[in-house]
Amino acid sequence: MTANNLPGAYSRLAVKYPELARAVEALGSTAKELGPLDEKTAQLIQLAAAASIRSEGAVHSHARRALAVGASAAEVHHALLLLVSTIGFPSVMAAISWVDDIVDPV
């Protein structure tokens, strides 16, 4: 992680393609501003989506962000456990292992 708490790959992309990085950030911000969901709920939804596509980096990112806006480790784990009948046990276990890189294991 870099000093600004972003993964190195994203930070390098943002330096090389700043317009793209700004556009991606603006897209995410705009989507969040369109609805009534609070930031914690939004991060837990994005965490679940990241787990669903088996993106380790995005799971790390959204777990950190969810915790930063007040989600407990139990809430983060529960958001993933809810996916077991949708994405399957192995995918959920992979996502939990990635979250456990960030939080203490349950």
C-alpha atoms as a PDB file:
ATOM      1  CA  MET A   1       0.000   0.000   0.000  1.00  0.00           C
ATOM      2  CA  THR A   2       1.133   3.503  -0.722  1.00  0.00           C
ATOM      3  CA  ALA A   3       1.099   6.470   1.634  1.00  0.00           C
ATOM      4  CA  ASN A   4      -2.360   7.437   0.398  1.00  0.00           C
ATOM      5  CA  ASN A   5      -3.587   3.914   1.323  1.00  0.00           C
ATOM      6  CA  LEU A   6      -4.228   2.856  -2.268  1.00  0.00           C
ATOM      7  CA  PRO A   7      -2.840  -0.340  -3.776  1.00  0.00           C
ATOM      8  CA  GLY A   8       0.380   0.167  -5.692  1.00  0.00           C
ATOM      9  CA  ALA A   9      -1.082  -0.980  -9.017  1.00  0.00           C
ATOM     10  CA  TYR A  10      -3.890   1.580  -8.785  1.00  0.00           C
ATOM     11  CA  SER A  11      -1.505   4.318  -7.707  1.00  0.00           C
ATOM     12  CA  ARG A  12       0.774   3.593 -10.665  1.00  0.00           C
ATOM     13  CA  LEU A  13      -2.196   3.642 -13.043  1.00  0.00           C
ATOM     14  CA  ALA A  14      -3.369   6.963 -11.574  1.00  0.00           C
ATOM     15  CA  VAL A  15       0.066   8.504 -12.148  1.00  0.00           C
ATOM     16  CA  LYS A  16       0.285   7.209 -15.706  1.00  0.00           C
ATOM     17  CA  TYR A  17      -3.364   7.915 -16.622  1.00  0.00           C
ATOM     18  CA  PRO A  18      -4.660  10.617 -14.254  1.00  0.00           C
ATOM     19  CA  GLU A  19      -7.692  11.429 -16.411  1.00  0.00           C
ATOM     20  CA  LEU A  20      -8.823   7.802 -16.299  1.00  0.00           C
ATOM     21  CA  ALA A  21      -8.341   7.618 -12.525  1.00  0.00           C
ATOM     22  CA  ARG A  22     -10.394  10.801 -12.044  1.00  0.00           C
ATOM     23  CA  ALA A  23     -13.139   9.432 -14.312  1.00  0.00           C
ATOM     24  CA  VAL A  24     -13.302   6.118 -12.424  1.00  0.00           C
ATOM     25  CA  GLU A  25     -13.486   7.958  -9.083  1.00  0.00           C
ATOM     26  CA  ALA A  26     -16.172  10.310 -10.414  1.00  0.00           C
ATOM     27  CA  LEU A  27     -18.238   7.377 -11.694  1.00  0.00           C
ATOM     28  CA  GLY A  28     -18.161   5.687  -8.286  1.00  0.00           C
ATOM     29  CA  SER A  29     -18.986   8.910  -6.465  1.00  0.00           C
ATOM     30  CA  THR A  30     -21.866   9.696  -8.793  1.00  0.00           C
ATOM     31  CA  ALA A  31     -23.358   6.215  -8.384  1.00  0.00           C
ATOM     32  CA  LYS A  32     -23.243   6.546  -4.585  1.00  0.00           C
ATOM     33  CA  GLU A  33     -24.844   9.992  -4.635  1.00  0.00           C
ATOM     34  CA  LEU A  34     -27.827   8.755  -6.663  1.00  0.00           C
ATOM     35  CA  GLY A  35     -29.459   6.794  -3.884  1.00  0.00           C
ATOM     36  CA  PRO A  36     -30.363   6.610  -0.236  1.00  0.00           C
ATOM     37  CA  LEU A  37     -27.884   3.934   0.891  1.00  0.00           C
ATOM     38  CA  ASP A  38     -25.397   4.966   3.531  1.00  0.00           C
ATOM     39  CA  GLU A  39     -21.670   4.545   2.941  1.00  0.00           C
ATOM     40  CA  LYS A  40     -21.347   1.445   5.140  1.00  0.00           C
ATOM     41  CA  THR A  41     -24.120  -0.358   3.265  1.00  0.00           C
ATOM     42  CA  ALA A  42     -22.650   0.706  -0.075  1.00  0.00           C
ATOM     43  CA  GLN A  43     -19.226  -0.658   0.875  1.00  0.00           C
ATOM     44  CA  LEU A  44     -20.696  -3.969   2.058  1.00  0.00           C
ATOM     45  CA  ILE A  45     -22.568  -4.311  -1.250  1.00  0.00           C
ATOM     46  CA  GLN A  46     -19.398  -3.555  -3.178  1.00  0.00           C
ATOM     47  CA  LEU A  47     -17.527  -6.059  -1.008  1.00  0.00           C
ATOM     48  CA  ALA A  48     -20.079  -8.723  -1.919  1.00  0.00           C
ATOM     49  CA  ALA A  49     -19.769  -7.860  -5.596  1.00  0.00           C
ATOM     50  CA  ALA A  50     -15.981  -8.058  -5.379  1.00  0.00           C
ATOM     51  CA  ALA A  51     -16.241 -11.481  -3.751  1.00  0.00           C
ATOM     52  CA  SER A  52     -18.647 -12.593  -6.464  1.00  0.00           C
ATOM     53  CA  ILE A  53     -16.107 -11.858  -9.187  1.00  0.00           C
ATOM     54  CA  ARG A  54     -13.276 -13.276  -7.059  1.00  0.00           C
ATOM     55  CA  SER A  55     -11.291 -10.044  -7.096  1.00  0.00           C
ATOM     56  CA  GLU A  56      -8.855 -10.258  -4.199  1.00  0.00           C
ATOM     57  CA  GLY A  57      -7.728  -6.652  -4.572  1.00  0.00           C
ATOM     58  CA  ALA A  58     -11.278  -5.312  -4.606  1.00  0.00           C
ATOM     59  CA  VAL A  59     -12.209  -7.475  -1.592  1.00  0.00           C
ATOM     60  CA  HIS A  60      -9.232  -6.012   0.286  1.00  0.00           C
ATOM     61  CA  SER A  61     -10.204  -2.485  -0.787  1.00  0.00           C
ATOM     62  CA  HIS A  62     -13.887  -2.710   0.105  1.00  0.00           C
ATOM     63  CA  ALA A  63     -13.192  -4.525   3.383  1.00  0.00           C
ATOM     64  CA  ARG A  64     -10.853  -1.673   4.374  1.00  0.00           C
ATOM     65  CA  ARG A  65     -13.384   0.933   3.272  1.00  0.00           C
ATOM     66  CA  ALA A  66     -16.281  -0.781   5.053  1.00  0.00           C
ATOM     67  CA  LEU A  67     -14.287  -0.952   8.287  1.00  0.00           C
ATOM     68  CA  ALA A  68     -13.241   2.689   7.894  1.00  0.00           C
ATOM     69  CA  VAL A  69     -16.875   3.829   7.733  1.00  0.00           C
ATOM     70  CA  GLY A  70     -17.974   1.869  10.768  1.00  0.00           C
ATOM     71  CA  ALA A  71     -18.655  -1.715   9.735  1.00  0.00           C
ATOM     72  CA  SER A  72     -17.539  -4.267  12.282  1.00  0.00           C
ATOM     73  CA  ALA A  73     -15.460  -7.284  11.351  1.00  0.00           C
ATOM     74  CA  ALA A  74     -18.554  -9.395  12.098  1.00  0.00           C
ATOM     75  CA  GLU A  75     -20.620  -7.349   9.620  1.00  0.00           C
ATOM     76  CA  VAL A  76     -17.954  -7.719   6.946  1.00  0.00           C
ATOM     77  CA  HIS A  77     -17.809 -11.478   7.481  1.00  0.00           C
ATOM     78  CA  HIS A  78     -21.615 -11.733   7.531  1.00  0.00           C
ATOM     79  CA  ALA A  79     -21.886  -9.867   4.215  1.00  0.00           C
ATOM     80  CA  LEU A  80     -19.733 -12.617   2.730  1.00  0.00           C
ATOM     81  CA  LEU A  81     -21.447 -15.510   4.481  1.00  0.00           C
ATOM     82  CA  LEU A  82     -24.744 -14.360   2.954  1.00  0.00           C
ATOM     83  CA  LEU A  83     -23.289 -15.212  -0.459  1.00  0.00           C
ATOM     84  CA  VAL A  84     -22.770 -18.915   0.187  1.00  0.00           C
ATOM     85  CA  SER A  85     -25.960 -20.019  -1.593  1.00  0.00           C
ATOM     86  CA  THR A  86     -25.311 -17.619  -4.471  1.00  0.00           C
ATOM     87  CA  ILE A  87     -21.610 -17.894  -5.306  1.00  0.00           C
ATOM     88  CA  GLY A  88     -20.752 -21.113  -3.471  1.00  0.00           C
ATOM     89  CA  PHE A  89     -18.782 -22.108  -0.414  1.00  0.00           C
ATOM     90  CA  PRO A  90     -15.309 -22.120  -2.041  1.00  0.00           C
ATOM     91  CA  SER A  91     -15.742 -18.561  -3.346  1.00  0.00           C
ATOM     92  CA  VAL A  92     -16.989 -17.365   0.034  1.00  0.00           C
ATOM     93  CA  MET A  93     -14.062 -19.022   1.800  1.00  0.00           C
ATOM     94  CA  ALA A  94     -11.624 -17.367  -0.600  1.00  0.00           C
ATOM     95  CA  ALA A  95     -13.189 -13.969   0.086  1.00  0.00           C
ATOM     96  CA  ILE A  96     -13.124 -14.547   3.843  1.00  0.00           C
ATOM     97  CA  SER A  97      -9.441 -15.451   3.649  1.00  0.00           C
ATOM     98  CA  TRP A  98      -8.814 -12.168   1.800  1.00  0.00           C
ATOM     99  CA  VAL A  99     -10.797 -10.206   4.387  1.00  0.00           C
ATOM    100  CA  ASP A 100      -8.811 -11.937   7.113  1.00  0.00           C
ATOM    101  CA  ASP A 101      -5.709 -10.384   5.562  1.00  0.00           C
ATOM    102  CA  ILE A 102      -7.280  -7.103   6.755  1.00  0.00           C
ATOM    103  CA  VAL A 103      -9.085  -8.045   9.997  1.00  0.00           C
ATOM    104  CA  ASP A 104      -8.530 -10.578  12.737  1.00  0.00           C
ATOM    105  CA  PRO A 105     -10.018 -13.969  11.853  1.00  0.00           C
ATOM    106  CA  VAL A 106     -13.373 -14.823  13.457  1.00  0.00           C
END
